[in-house]
Amino acid sequence: MTDQRLNSTPDGPDNGRDDADLAVKTKPKTQRPPMYKVLLLNDDFTPMEFVVHVLERLFMMTHAQAIEIMLTVHRKGIAVVGVFSHEVAETKVAQVMELARRQQHPLQCTMEKE
């Protein structure tokens, strides 16, 4: 005598179903959030030393990195200082603008989608 439970499903015996009838759950693909470039814009009034200070303090750059970026802004009129998620980029722009405003410098900082 054989035990019929070995070859059965909860609905009873196999009933002719095969694995193709089973629904397959797929995980939705998650996408990386869009990234944003934070840009510093050149002006004729903000001291170079202040720009270096901002880059070191707010973007955690070394002195050498900050000087290199500051010179790029000075020569080309604009430079990317970092790439961040939207919220971080927005915060960085606000911090730069606030620090410049408090020191009465017209330094401009903006962000754009990468």
PDB file of N, CA and C in Angstrom:
ATOM      1  N   MET A   1       0.835  -1.157   0.000  1.00  0.00           N
ATOM      2  CA  MET A   1       0.000   0.000   0.000  1.00  0.00           C
ATOM      3  C   MET A   1       0.893   1.238   0.000  1.00  0.00           C
ATOM      4  N   THR A   2       0.582   2.217  -0.870  1.00  0.00           N
ATOM      5  CA  THR A   2       1.389   3.425  -0.936  1.00  0.00           C
ATOM      6  C   THR A   2       0.616   4.571  -0.320  1.00  0.00           C
ATOM      7  N   ASP A   3       1.363   5.518   0.165  1.00  0.00           N
ATOM      8  CA  ASP A   3       0.741   6.707   0.752  1.00  0.00           C
ATOM      9  C   ASP A   3       0.527   7.736  -0.348  1.00  0.00           C
ATOM     10  N   GLN A   4      -0.723   8.047  -0.655  1.00  0.00           N
ATOM     11  CA  GLN A   4      -1.050   8.931  -1.756  1.00  0.00           C
ATOM     12  C   GLN A   4      -0.669  10.382  -1.436  1.00  0.00           C
ATOM     13  N   ARG A   5      -0.437  10.721  -0.197  1.00  0.00           N
ATOM     14  CA  ARG A   5      -0.078  12.082   0.173  1.00  0.00           C
ATOM     15  C   ARG A   5       1.282  12.490  -0.378  1.00  0.00           C
ATOM     16  N   LEU A   6       2.150  11.574  -0.678  1.00  0.00           N
ATOM     17  CA  LEU A   6       3.477  11.904  -1.182  1.00  0.00           C
ATOM     18  C   LEU A   6       3.412  12.551  -2.554  1.00  0.00           C
ATOM     19  N   ASN A   7       2.472  12.186  -3.380  1.00  0.00           N
ATOM     20  CA  ASN A   7       2.379  12.716  -4.735  1.00  0.00           C
ATOM     21  C   ASN A   7       1.198  13.675  -4.896  1.00  0.00           C
ATOM     22  N   SER A   8       0.841  14.369  -3.843  1.00  0.00           N
ATOM     23  CA  SER A   8      -0.317  15.243  -3.954  1.00  0.00           C
ATOM     24  C   SER A   8       0.043  16.649  -3.504  1.00  0.00           C
ATOM     25  N   THR A   9      -0.801  17.575  -3.915  1.00  0.00           N
ATOM     26  CA  THR A   9      -0.674  18.969  -3.507  1.00  0.00           C
ATOM     27  C   THR A   9      -1.774  19.231  -2.507  1.00  0.00           C
ATOM     28  N   PRO A  10      -1.841  20.417  -1.950  1.00  0.00           N
ATOM     29  CA  PRO A  10      -2.927  20.690  -1.005  1.00  0.00           C
ATOM     30  C   PRO A  10      -4.299  20.529  -1.642  1.00  0.00           C
ATOM     31  N   ASP A  11      -4.395  20.634  -2.982  1.00  0.00           N
ATOM     32  CA  ASP A  11      -5.675  20.472  -3.659  1.00  0.00           C
ATOM     33  C   ASP A  11      -5.995  19.010  -3.950  1.00  0.00           C
ATOM     34  N   GLY A  12      -5.091  18.153  -3.631  1.00  0.00           N
ATOM     35  CA  GLY A  12      -5.284  16.748  -3.947  1.00  0.00           C
ATOM     36  C   GLY A  12      -4.138  16.296  -4.828  1.00  0.00           C
ATOM     37  N   PRO A  13      -4.325  15.222  -5.586  1.00  0.00           N
ATOM     38  CA  PRO A  13      -3.262  14.770  -6.467  1.00  0.00           C
ATOM     39  C   PRO A  13      -2.902  15.841  -7.482  1.00  0.00           C
ATOM     40  N   ASP A  14      -1.843  15.669  -8.195  1.00  0.00           N
ATOM     41  CA  ASP A  14      -1.241  16.648  -9.105  1.00  0.00           C
ATOM     42  C   ASP A  14      -2.253  17.312 -10.031  1.00  0.00           C
ATOM     43  N   ASN A  15      -3.295  16.674 -10.404  1.00  0.00           N
ATOM     44  CA  ASN A  15      -4.354  17.223 -11.251  1.00  0.00           C
ATOM     45  C   ASN A  15      -3.844  17.738 -12.593  1.00  0.00           C
ATOM     46  N   GLY A  16      -2.743  17.255 -13.088  1.00  0.00           N
ATOM     47  CA  GLY A  16      -2.243  17.608 -14.404  1.00  0.00           C
ATOM     48  C   GLY A  16      -1.589  18.980 -14.477  1.00  0.00           C
ATOM     49  N   ARG A  17      -1.389  19.669 -13.363  1.00  0.00           N
ATOM     50  CA  ARG A  17      -0.749  20.990 -13.404  1.00  0.00           C
ATOM     51  C   ARG A  17       0.747  20.821 -13.537  1.00  0.00           C
ATOM     52  N   ASP A  18       1.354  21.775 -14.197  1.00  0.00           N
ATOM     53  CA  ASP A  18       2.817  21.781 -14.216  1.00  0.00           C
ATOM     54  C   ASP A  18       3.297  23.128 -13.684  1.00  0.00           C
ATOM     55  N   ASP A  19       4.588  23.300 -13.573  1.00  0.00           N
ATOM     56  CA  ASP A  19       5.161  24.511 -12.979  1.00  0.00           C
ATOM     57  C   ASP A  19       4.867  25.766 -13.798  1.00  0.00           C
ATOM     58  N   ALA A  20       4.561  25.631 -15.070  1.00  0.00           N
ATOM     59  CA  ALA A  20       4.280  26.798 -15.913  1.00  0.00           C
ATOM     60  C   ALA A  20       3.005  27.505 -15.474  1.00  0.00           C
ATOM     61  N   ASP A  21       2.130  26.822 -14.753  1.00  0.00           N
ATOM     62  CA  ASP A  21       0.891  27.427 -14.303  1.00  0.00           C
ATOM     63  C   ASP A  21       1.091  28.304 -13.064  1.00  0.00           C
ATOM     64  N   LEU A  22       2.229  28.216 -12.420  1.00  0.00           N
ATOM     65  CA  LEU A  22       2.459  28.955 -11.194  1.00  0.00           C
ATOM     66  C   LEU A  22       2.821  30.404 -11.503  1.00  0.00           C
ATOM     67  N   ALA A  23       2.277  31.306 -10.730  1.00  0.00           N
ATOM     68  CA  ALA A  23       2.611  32.726 -10.894  1.00  0.00           C
ATOM     69  C   ALA A  23       3.995  32.977 -10.312  1.00  0.00           C
ATOM     70  N   VAL A  24       4.763  33.770 -11.019  1.00  0.00           N
ATOM     71  CA  VAL A  24       6.110  34.094 -10.558  1.00  0.00           C
ATOM     72  C   VAL A  24       6.114  35.554 -10.139  1.00  0.00           C
ATOM     73  N   LYS A  25       6.520  35.786  -8.907  1.00  0.00           N
ATOM     74  CA  LYS A  25       6.605  37.148  -8.418  1.00  0.00           C
ATOM     75  C   LYS A  25       7.954  37.716  -8.838  1.00  0.00           C
ATOM     76  N   THR A  26       7.912  38.921  -9.422  1.00  0.00           N
ATOM     77  CA  THR A  26       9.158  39.580  -9.784  1.00  0.00           C
ATOM     78  C   THR A  26       9.315  40.802  -8.910  1.00  0.00           C
ATOM     79  N   LYS A  27      10.534  41.032  -8.496  1.00  0.00           N
ATOM     80  CA  LYS A  27      10.818  42.209  -7.696  1.00  0.00           C
ATOM     81  C   LYS A  27      10.895  43.408  -8.621  1.00  0.00           C
ATOM     82  N   PRO A  28      10.270  44.496  -8.228  1.00  0.00           N
ATOM     83  CA  PRO A  28      10.401  45.699  -9.064  1.00  0.00           C
ATOM     84  C   PRO A  28      11.849  46.192  -8.996  1.00  0.00           C
ATOM     85  N   LYS A  29      12.350  46.638 -10.143  1.00  0.00           N
ATOM     86  CA  LYS A  29      13.718  47.139 -10.160  1.00  0.00           C
ATOM     87  C   LYS A  29      13.747  48.526  -9.542  1.00  0.00           C
ATOM     88  N   THR A  30      14.655  48.701  -8.615  1.00  0.00           N
ATOM     89  CA  THR A  30      14.794  50.016  -8.008  1.00  0.00           C
ATOM     90  C   THR A  30      15.794  50.820  -8.829  1.00  0.00           C
ATOM     91  N   GLN A  31      15.496  52.081  -8.985  1.00  0.00           N
ATOM     92  CA  GLN A  31      16.387  52.947  -9.736  1.00  0.00           C
ATOM     93  C   GLN A  31      17.143  53.838  -8.772  1.00  0.00           C
ATOM     94  N   ARG A  32      18.360  54.164  -9.153  1.00  0.00           N
ATOM     95  CA  ARG A  32      19.137  55.089  -8.355  1.00  0.00           C
ATOM     96  C   ARG A  32      18.496  56.468  -8.474  1.00  0.00           C
ATOM     97  N   PRO A  33      18.500  57.225  -7.391  1.00  0.00           N
ATOM     98  CA  PRO A  33      17.920  58.571  -7.486  1.00  0.00           C
ATOM     99  C   PRO A  33      18.758  59.441  -8.409  1.00  0.00           C
ATOM    100  N   PRO A  34      18.127  60.420  -9.051  1.00  0.00           N
ATOM    101  CA  PRO A  34      18.908  61.296  -9.926  1.00  0.00           C
ATOM    102  C   PRO A  34      19.920  62.079  -9.094  1.00  0.00           C
ATOM    103  N   MET A  35      21.054  62.353  -9.679  1.00  0.00           N
ATOM    104  CA  MET A  35      22.114  63.086  -8.993  1.00  0.00           C
ATOM    105  C   MET A  35      22.176  64.512  -9.535  1.00  0.00           C
ATOM    106  N   TYR A  36      22.677  65.404  -8.699  1.00  0.00           N
ATOM    107  CA  TYR A  36      22.723  66.824  -9.042  1.00  0.00           C
ATOM    108  C   TYR A  36      24.125  67.372  -8.828  1.00  0.00           C
ATOM    109  N   LYS A  37      24.578  68.163  -9.807  1.00  0.00           N
ATOM    110  CA  LYS A  37      25.876  68.817  -9.710  1.00  0.00           C
ATOM    111  C   LYS A  37      25.702  70.131  -8.963  1.00  0.00           C
ATOM    112  N   VAL A  38      26.594  70.390  -8.021  1.00  0.00           N
ATOM    113  CA  VAL A  38      26.633  71.674  -7.344  1.00  0.00           C
ATOM    114  C   VAL A  38      27.718  72.496  -8.038  1.00  0.00           C
ATOM    115  N   LEU A  39      27.340  73.700  -8.470  1.00  0.00           N
ATOM    116  CA  LEU A  39      28.217  74.546  -9.265  1.00  0.00           C
ATOM    117  C   LEU A  39      28.501  75.856  -8.550  1.00  0.00           C
ATOM    118  N   LEU A  40      29.764  76.289  -8.594  1.00  0.00           N
ATOM    119  CA  LEU A  40      30.130  77.619  -8.117  1.00  0.00           C
ATOM    120  C   LEU A  40      30.327  78.510  -9.332  1.00  0.00           C
ATOM    121  N   LEU A  41      29.837  79.753  -9.233  1.00  0.00           N
ATOM    122  CA  LEU A  41      29.933  80.699 -10.331  1.00  0.00           C
ATOM    123  C   LEU A  41      30.919  81.811  -9.974  1.00  0.00           C
ATOM    124  N   ASN A  42      31.674  82.242 -10.944  1.00  0.00           N
ATOM    125  CA  ASN A  42      32.659  83.295 -10.726  1.00  0.00           C
ATOM    126  C   ASN A  42      31.972  84.659 -10.632  1.00  0.00           C
ATOM    127  N   ASP A  43      32.577  85.528  -9.852  1.00  0.00           N
ATOM    128  CA  ASP A  43      32.187  86.936  -9.830  1.00  0.00           C
ATOM    129  C   ASP A  43      33.472  87.742  -9.640  1.00  0.00           C
ATOM    130  N   ASP A  44      33.372  89.042  -9.796  1.00  0.00           N
ATOM    131  CA  ASP A  44      34.563  89.889  -9.714  1.00  0.00           C
ATOM    132  C   ASP A  44      34.828  90.444  -8.328  1.00  0.00           C
ATOM    133  N   PHE A  45      34.065  90.013  -7.325  1.00  0.00           N
ATOM    134  CA  PHE A  45      34.174  90.634  -6.018  1.00  0.00           C
ATOM    135  C   PHE A  45      34.523  89.683  -4.884  1.00  0.00           C
ATOM    136  N   THR A  46      34.105  88.444  -4.955  1.00  0.00           N
ATOM    137  CA  THR A  46      34.364  87.492  -3.871  1.00  0.00           C
ATOM    138  C   THR A  46      35.846  87.143  -3.836  1.00  0.00           C
ATOM    139  N   PRO A  47      36.489  87.322  -2.671  1.00  0.00           N
ATOM    140  CA  PRO A  47      37.921  87.001  -2.573  1.00  0.00           C
ATOM    141  C   PRO A  47      38.177  85.500  -2.790  1.00  0.00           C
ATOM    142  N   MET A  48      39.283  85.214  -3.457  1.00  0.00           N
ATOM    143  CA  MET A  48      39.659  83.827  -3.722  1.00  0.00           C
ATOM    144  C   MET A  48      39.825  83.042  -2.424  1.00  0.00           C
ATOM    145  N   GLU A  49      40.345  83.698  -1.398  1.00  0.00           N
ATOM    146  CA  GLU A  49      40.554  83.032  -0.103  1.00  0.00           C
ATOM    147  C   GLU A  49      39.229  82.582   0.497  1.00  0.00           C
ATOM    148  N   PHE A  50      38.179  83.373   0.290  1.00  0.00           N
ATOM    149  CA  PHE A  50      36.865  82.999   0.813  1.00  0.00           C
ATOM    150  C   PHE A  50      36.334  81.768   0.087  1.00  0.00           C
ATOM    151  N   VAL A  51      36.513  81.723  -1.223  1.00  0.00           N
ATOM    152  CA  VAL A  51      36.063  80.559  -1.998  1.00  0.00           C
ATOM    153  C   VAL A  51      36.790  79.304  -1.520  1.00  0.00           C
ATOM    154  N   VAL A  52      38.089  79.412  -1.306  1.00  0.00           N
ATOM    155  CA  VAL A  52      38.865  78.270  -0.788  1.00  0.00           C
ATOM    156  C   VAL A  52      38.318  77.845   0.574  1.00  0.00           C
ATOM    157  N   HIS A  53      38.040  78.814   1.426  1.00  0.00           N
ATOM    158  CA  HIS A  53      37.483  78.515   2.753  1.00  0.00           C
ATOM    159  C   HIS A  53      36.152  77.762   2.641  1.00  0.00           C
ATOM    160  N   VAL A  54      35.272  78.221   1.747  1.00  0.00           N
ATOM    161  CA  VAL A  54      33.967  77.577   1.545  1.00  0.00           C
ATOM    162  C   VAL A  54      34.159  76.130   1.085  1.00  0.00           C
ATOM    163  N   LEU A  55      35.044  75.917   0.139  1.00  0.00           N
ATOM    164  CA  LEU A  55      35.271  74.569  -0.395  1.00  0.00           C
ATOM    165  C   LEU A  55      35.838  73.629   0.667  1.00  0.00           C
ATOM    166  N   GLU A  56      36.734  74.150   1.494  1.00  0.00           N
ATOM    167  CA  GLU A  56      37.309  73.319   2.561  1.00  0.00           C
ATOM    168  C   GLU A  56      36.264  73.009   3.634  1.00  0.00           C
ATOM    169  N   ARG A  57      35.520  74.020   4.017  1.00  0.00           N
ATOM    170  CA  ARG A  57      34.581  73.865   5.140  1.00  0.00           C
ATOM    171  C   ARG A  57      33.311  73.097   4.758  1.00  0.00           C
ATOM    172  N   LEU A  58      32.703  73.438   3.637  1.00  0.00           N
ATOM    173  CA  LEU A  58      31.412  72.846   3.294  1.00  0.00           C
ATOM    174  C   LEU A  58      31.510  71.605   2.416  1.00  0.00           C
ATOM    175  N   PHE A  59      32.615  71.468   1.684  1.00  0.00           N
ATOM    176  CA  PHE A  59      32.745  70.329   0.775  1.00  0.00           C
ATOM    177  C   PHE A  59      33.889  69.393   1.200  1.00  0.00           C
ATOM    178  N   MET A  60      34.455  69.657   2.356  1.00  0.00           N
ATOM    179  CA  MET A  60      35.491  68.809   2.958  1.00  0.00           C
ATOM    180  C   MET A  60      36.669  68.541   2.014  1.00  0.00           C
ATOM    181  N   MET A  61      37.055  69.550   1.264  1.00  0.00           N
ATOM    182  CA  MET A  61      38.190  69.411   0.351  1.00  0.00           C
ATOM    183  C   MET A  61      39.483  69.739   1.079  1.00  0.00           C
ATOM    184  N   THR A  62      40.568  69.169   0.588  1.00  0.00           N
ATOM    185  CA  THR A  62      41.881  69.554   1.093  1.00  0.00           C
ATOM    186  C   THR A  62      42.181  70.958   0.580  1.00  0.00           C
ATOM    187  N   HIS A  63      43.182  71.582   1.149  1.00  0.00           N
ATOM    188  CA  HIS A  63      43.551  72.928   0.717  1.00  0.00           C
ATOM    189  C   HIS A  63      43.939  72.923  -0.766  1.00  0.00           C
ATOM    190  N   ALA A  64      44.695  71.921  -1.178  1.00  0.00           N
ATOM    191  CA  ALA A  64      45.132  71.826  -2.581  1.00  0.00           C
ATOM    192  C   ALA A  64      43.938  71.636  -3.525  1.00  0.00           C
ATOM    193  N   GLN A  65      42.986  70.781  -3.150  1.00  0.00           N
ATOM    194  CA  GLN A  65      41.793  70.571  -3.971  1.00  0.00           C
ATOM    195  C   GLN A  65      40.971  71.855  -4.076  1.00  0.00           C
ATOM    196  N   ALA A  66      40.835  72.552  -2.948  1.00  0.00           N
ATOM    197  CA  ALA A  66      40.051  73.782  -2.916  1.00  0.00           C
ATOM    198  C   ALA A  66      40.683  74.846  -3.806  1.00  0.00           C
ATOM    199  N   ILE A  67      41.988  74.968  -3.782  1.00  0.00           N
ATOM    200  CA  ILE A  67      42.674  75.939  -4.641  1.00  0.00           C
ATOM    201  C   ILE A  67      42.465  75.588  -6.108  1.00  0.00           C
ATOM    202  N   GLU A  68      42.571  74.318  -6.435  1.00  0.00           N
ATOM    203  CA  GLU A  68      42.383  73.884  -7.823  1.00  0.00           C
ATOM    204  C   GLU A  68      40.971  74.223  -8.328  1.00  0.00           C
ATOM    205  N   ILE A  69      39.954  73.939  -7.535  1.00  0.00           N
ATOM    206  CA  ILE A  69      38.575  74.250  -7.922  1.00  0.00           C
ATOM    207  C   ILE A  69      38.381  75.765  -8.011  1.00  0.00           C
ATOM    208  N   MET A  70      38.892  76.498  -7.036  1.00  0.00           N
ATOM    209  CA  MET A  70      38.765  77.955  -7.044  1.00  0.00           C
ATOM    210  C   MET A  70      39.379  78.537  -8.310  1.00  0.00           C
ATOM    211  N   LEU A  71      40.541  78.034  -8.727  1.00  0.00           N
ATOM    212  CA  LEU A  71      41.188  78.529  -9.943  1.00  0.00           C
ATOM    213  C   LEU A  71      40.378  78.169 -11.187  1.00  0.00           C
ATOM    214  N   THR A  72      39.737  77.013 -11.180  1.00  0.00           N
ATOM    215  CA  THR A  72      38.864  76.633 -12.296  1.00  0.00           C
ATOM    216  C   THR A  72      37.688  77.601 -12.390  1.00  0.00           C
ATOM    217  N   VAL A  73      37.085  77.923 -11.256  1.00  0.00           N
ATOM    218  CA  VAL A  73      35.974  78.890 -11.231  1.00  0.00           C
ATOM    219  C   VAL A  73      36.469  80.234 -11.753  1.00  0.00           C
ATOM    220  N   HIS A  74      37.639  80.648 -11.304  1.00  0.00           N
ATOM    221  CA  HIS A  74      38.198  81.948 -11.698  1.00  0.00           C
ATOM    222  C   HIS A  74      38.473  82.008 -13.201  1.00  0.00           C
ATOM    223  N   ARG A  75      39.044  80.936 -13.755  1.00  0.00           N
ATOM    224  CA  ARG A  75      39.443  80.928 -15.168  1.00  0.00           C
ATOM    225  C   ARG A  75      38.281  80.640 -16.122  1.00  0.00           C
ATOM    226  N   LYS A  76      37.423  79.695 -15.735  1.00  0.00           N
ATOM    227  CA  LYS A  76      36.353  79.259 -16.644  1.00  0.00           C
ATOM    228  C   LYS A  76      35.000  79.883 -16.340  1.00  0.00           C
ATOM    229  N   GLY A  77      34.877  80.504 -15.184  1.00  0.00           N
ATOM    230  CA  GLY A  77      33.622  81.136 -14.817  1.00  0.00           C
ATOM    231  C   GLY A  77      32.672  80.245 -14.047  1.00  0.00           C
ATOM    232  N   ILE A  78      32.945  78.957 -14.032  1.00  0.00           N
ATOM    233  CA  ILE A  78      32.063  77.999 -13.352  1.00  0.00           C
ATOM    234  C   ILE A  78      32.845  76.710 -13.109  1.00  0.00           C
ATOM    235  N   ALA A  79      32.483  76.000 -12.061  1.00  0.00           N
ATOM    236  CA  ALA A  79      33.098  74.691 -11.804  1.00  0.00           C
ATOM    237  C   ALA A  79      32.145  73.833 -10.983  1.00  0.00           C
ATOM    238  N   VAL A  80      32.189  72.549 -11.238  1.00  0.00           N
ATOM    239  CA  VAL A  80      31.436  71.575 -10.447  1.00  0.00           C
ATOM    240  C   VAL A  80      32.232  71.313  -9.173  1.00  0.00           C
ATOM    241  N   VAL A  81      31.587  71.472  -8.034  1.00  0.00           N
ATOM    242  CA  VAL A  81      32.274  71.239  -6.771  1.00  0.00           C
ATOM    243  C   VAL A  81      31.857  69.932  -6.118  1.00  0.00           C
ATOM    244  N   GLY A  82      30.835  69.275  -6.659  1.00  0.00           N
ATOM    245  CA  GLY A  82      30.411  67.985  -6.137  1.00  0.00           C
ATOM    246  C   GLY A  82      29.143  67.519  -6.820  1.00  0.00           C
ATOM    247  N   VAL A  83      28.872  66.234  -6.671  1.00  0.00           N
ATOM    248  CA  VAL A  83      27.661  65.626  -7.221  1.00  0.00           C
ATOM    249  C   VAL A  83      26.980  64.878  -6.079  1.00  0.00           C
ATOM    250  N   PHE A  84      25.704  65.209  -5.867  1.00  0.00           N
ATOM    251  CA  PHE A  84      24.993  64.709  -4.696  1.00  0.00           C
ATOM    252  C   PHE A  84      23.542  64.367  -5.053  1.00  0.00           C
ATOM    253  N   SER A  85      22.868  63.717  -4.110  1.00  0.00           N
ATOM    254  CA  SER A  85      21.425  63.519  -4.251  1.00  0.00           C
ATOM    255  C   SER A  85      20.761  64.896  -4.182  1.00  0.00           C
ATOM    256  N   HIS A  86      19.508  64.971  -4.586  1.00  0.00           N
ATOM    257  CA  HIS A  86      18.807  66.262  -4.634  1.00  0.00           C
ATOM    258  C   HIS A  86      18.829  66.980  -3.287  1.00  0.00           C
ATOM    259  N   GLU A  87      18.506  66.267  -2.219  1.00  0.00           N
ATOM    260  CA  GLU A  87      18.424  66.886  -0.904  1.00  0.00           C
ATOM    261  C   GLU A  87      19.776  67.401  -0.436  1.00  0.00           C
ATOM    262  N   VAL A  88      20.822  66.623  -0.642  1.00  0.00           N
ATOM    263  CA  VAL A  88      22.161  67.037  -0.216  1.00  0.00           C
ATOM    264  C   VAL A  88      22.626  68.226  -1.048  1.00  0.00           C
ATOM    265  N   ALA A  89      22.415  68.173  -2.360  1.00  0.00           N
ATOM    266  CA  ALA A  89      22.813  69.280  -3.229  1.00  0.00           C
ATOM    267  C   ALA A  89      22.093  70.563  -2.831  1.00  0.00           C
ATOM    268  N   GLU A  90      20.811  70.451  -2.570  1.00  0.00           N
ATOM    269  CA  GLU A  90      20.015  71.608  -2.162  1.00  0.00           C
ATOM    270  C   GLU A  90      20.558  72.207  -0.864  1.00  0.00           C
ATOM    271  N   THR A  91      20.917  71.352   0.068  1.00  0.00           N
ATOM    272  CA  THR A  91      21.466  71.804   1.344  1.00  0.00           C
ATOM    273  C   THR A  91      22.812  72.489   1.148  1.00  0.00           C
ATOM    274  N   LYS A  92      23.668  71.903   0.320  1.00  0.00           N
ATOM    275  CA  LYS A  92      24.990  72.495   0.054  1.00  0.00           C
ATOM    276  C   LYS A  92      24.847  73.876  -0.563  1.00  0.00           C
ATOM    277  N   VAL A  93      23.963  74.011  -1.548  1.00  0.00           N
ATOM    278  CA  VAL A  93      23.741  75.314  -2.191  1.00  0.00           C
ATOM    279  C   VAL A  93      23.283  76.333  -1.154  1.00  0.00           C
ATOM    280  N   ALA A  94      22.341  75.957  -0.320  1.00  0.00           N
ATOM    281  CA  ALA A  94      21.831  76.863   0.710  1.00  0.00           C
ATOM    282  C   ALA A  94      22.940  77.257   1.690  1.00  0.00           C
ATOM    283  N   GLN A  95      23.788  76.318   2.065  1.00  0.00           N
ATOM    284  CA  GLN A  95      24.881  76.608   2.997  1.00  0.00           C
ATOM    285  C   GLN A  95      25.874  77.596   2.385  1.00  0.00           C
ATOM    286  N   VAL A  96      26.228  77.383   1.120  1.00  0.00           N
ATOM    287  CA  VAL A  96      27.162  78.288   0.449  1.00  0.00           C
ATOM    288  C   VAL A  96      26.565  79.688   0.380  1.00  0.00           C
ATOM    289  N   MET A  97      25.315  79.762  -0.043  1.00  0.00           N
ATOM    290  CA  MET A  97      24.671  81.061  -0.196  1.00  0.00           C
ATOM    291  C   MET A  97      24.540  81.790   1.148  1.00  0.00           C
ATOM    292  N   GLU A  98      24.224  81.062   2.189  1.00  0.00           N
ATOM    293  CA  GLU A  98      24.099  81.662   3.519  1.00  0.00           C
ATOM    294  C   GLU A  98      25.447  82.165   4.028  1.00  0.00           C
ATOM    295  N   LEU A  99      26.477  81.364   3.874  1.00  0.00           N
ATOM    296  CA  LEU A  99      27.814  81.765   4.311  1.00  0.00           C
ATOM    297  C   LEU A  99      28.294  82.993   3.536  1.00  0.00           C
ATOM    298  N   ALA A 100      28.073  83.020   2.245  1.00  0.00           N
ATOM    299  CA  ALA A 100      28.457  84.170   1.420  1.00  0.00           C
ATOM    300  C   ALA A 100      27.658  85.410   1.833  1.00  0.00           C
ATOM    301  N   ARG A 101      26.375  85.228   2.070  1.00  0.00           N
ATOM    302  CA  ARG A 101      25.540  86.362   2.475  1.00  0.00           C
ATOM    303  C   ARG A 101      26.005  86.947   3.807  1.00  0.00           C
ATOM    304  N   ARG A 102      26.304  86.058   4.760  1.00  0.00           N
ATOM    305  CA  ARG A 102      26.763  86.533   6.082  1.00  0.00           C
ATOM    306  C   ARG A 102      28.078  87.296   5.993  1.00  0.00           C
ATOM    307  N   GLN A 103      28.919  86.900   5.046  1.00  0.00           N
ATOM    308  CA  GLN A 103      30.206  87.578   4.866  1.00  0.00           C
ATOM    309  C   GLN A 103      30.106  88.720   3.848  1.00  0.00           C
ATOM    310  N   GLN A 104      28.903  88.962   3.352  1.00  0.00           N
ATOM    311  CA  GLN A 104      28.607  90.028   2.398  1.00  0.00           C
ATOM    312  C   GLN A 104      29.399  89.879   1.091  1.00  0.00           C
ATOM    313  N   HIS A 105      29.460  88.631   0.601  1.00  0.00           N
ATOM    314  CA  HIS A 105      30.082  88.344  -0.683  1.00  0.00           C
ATOM    315  C   HIS A 105      28.988  87.936  -1.666  1.00  0.00           C
ATOM    316  N   PRO A 106      29.149  88.306  -2.939  1.00  0.00           N
ATOM    317  CA  PRO A 106      28.127  87.963  -3.926  1.00  0.00           C
ATOM    318  C   PRO A 106      28.300  86.573  -4.567  1.00  0.00           C
ATOM    319  N   LEU A 107      29.059  85.712  -3.923  1.00  0.00           N
ATOM    320  CA  LEU A 107      29.306  84.363  -4.466  1.00  0.00           C
ATOM    321  C   LEU A 107      27.990  83.661  -4.753  1.00  0.00           C
ATOM    322  N   GLN A 108      27.891  83.072  -5.934  1.00  0.00           N
ATOM    323  CA  GLN A 108      26.686  82.356  -6.326  1.00  0.00           C
ATOM    324  C   GLN A 108      26.976  80.867  -6.463  1.00  0.00           C
ATOM    325  N   CYS A 109      26.013  80.087  -6.032  1.00  0.00           N
ATOM    326  CA  CYS A 109      26.109  78.633  -6.098  1.00  0.00           C
ATOM    327  C   CYS A 109      24.766  78.120  -6.590  1.00  0.00           C
ATOM    328  N   THR A 110      24.807  77.135  -7.447  1.00  0.00           N
ATOM    329  CA  THR A 110      23.568  76.592  -7.999  1.00  0.00           C
ATOM    330  C   THR A 110      23.715  75.085  -8.167  1.00  0.00           C
ATOM    331  N   MET A 111      22.629  74.457  -8.579  1.00  0.00           N
ATOM    332  CA  MET A 111      22.665  73.016  -8.826  1.00  0.00           C
ATOM    333  C   MET A 111      21.913  72.718 -10.104  1.00  0.00           C
ATOM    334  N   GLU A 112      22.328  71.631 -10.760  1.00  0.00           N
ATOM    335  CA  GLU A 112      21.622  71.179 -11.954  1.00  0.00           C
ATOM    336  C   GLU A 112      21.679  69.663 -12.019  1.00  0.00           C
ATOM    337  N   LYS A 113      20.671  69.093 -12.641  1.00  0.00           N
ATOM    338  CA  LYS A 113      20.587  67.640 -12.753  1.00  0.00           C
ATOM    339  C   LYS A 113      21.738  67.139 -13.615  1.00  0.00           C
ATOM    340  N   GLU A 114      22.323  66.046 -13.165  1.00  0.00           N
ATOM    341  CA  GLU A 114      23.461  65.463 -13.874  1.00  0.00           C
ATOM    342  C   GLU A 114      23.019  64.792 -15.139  1.00  0.00           C
TER     343      GLU A 114
END
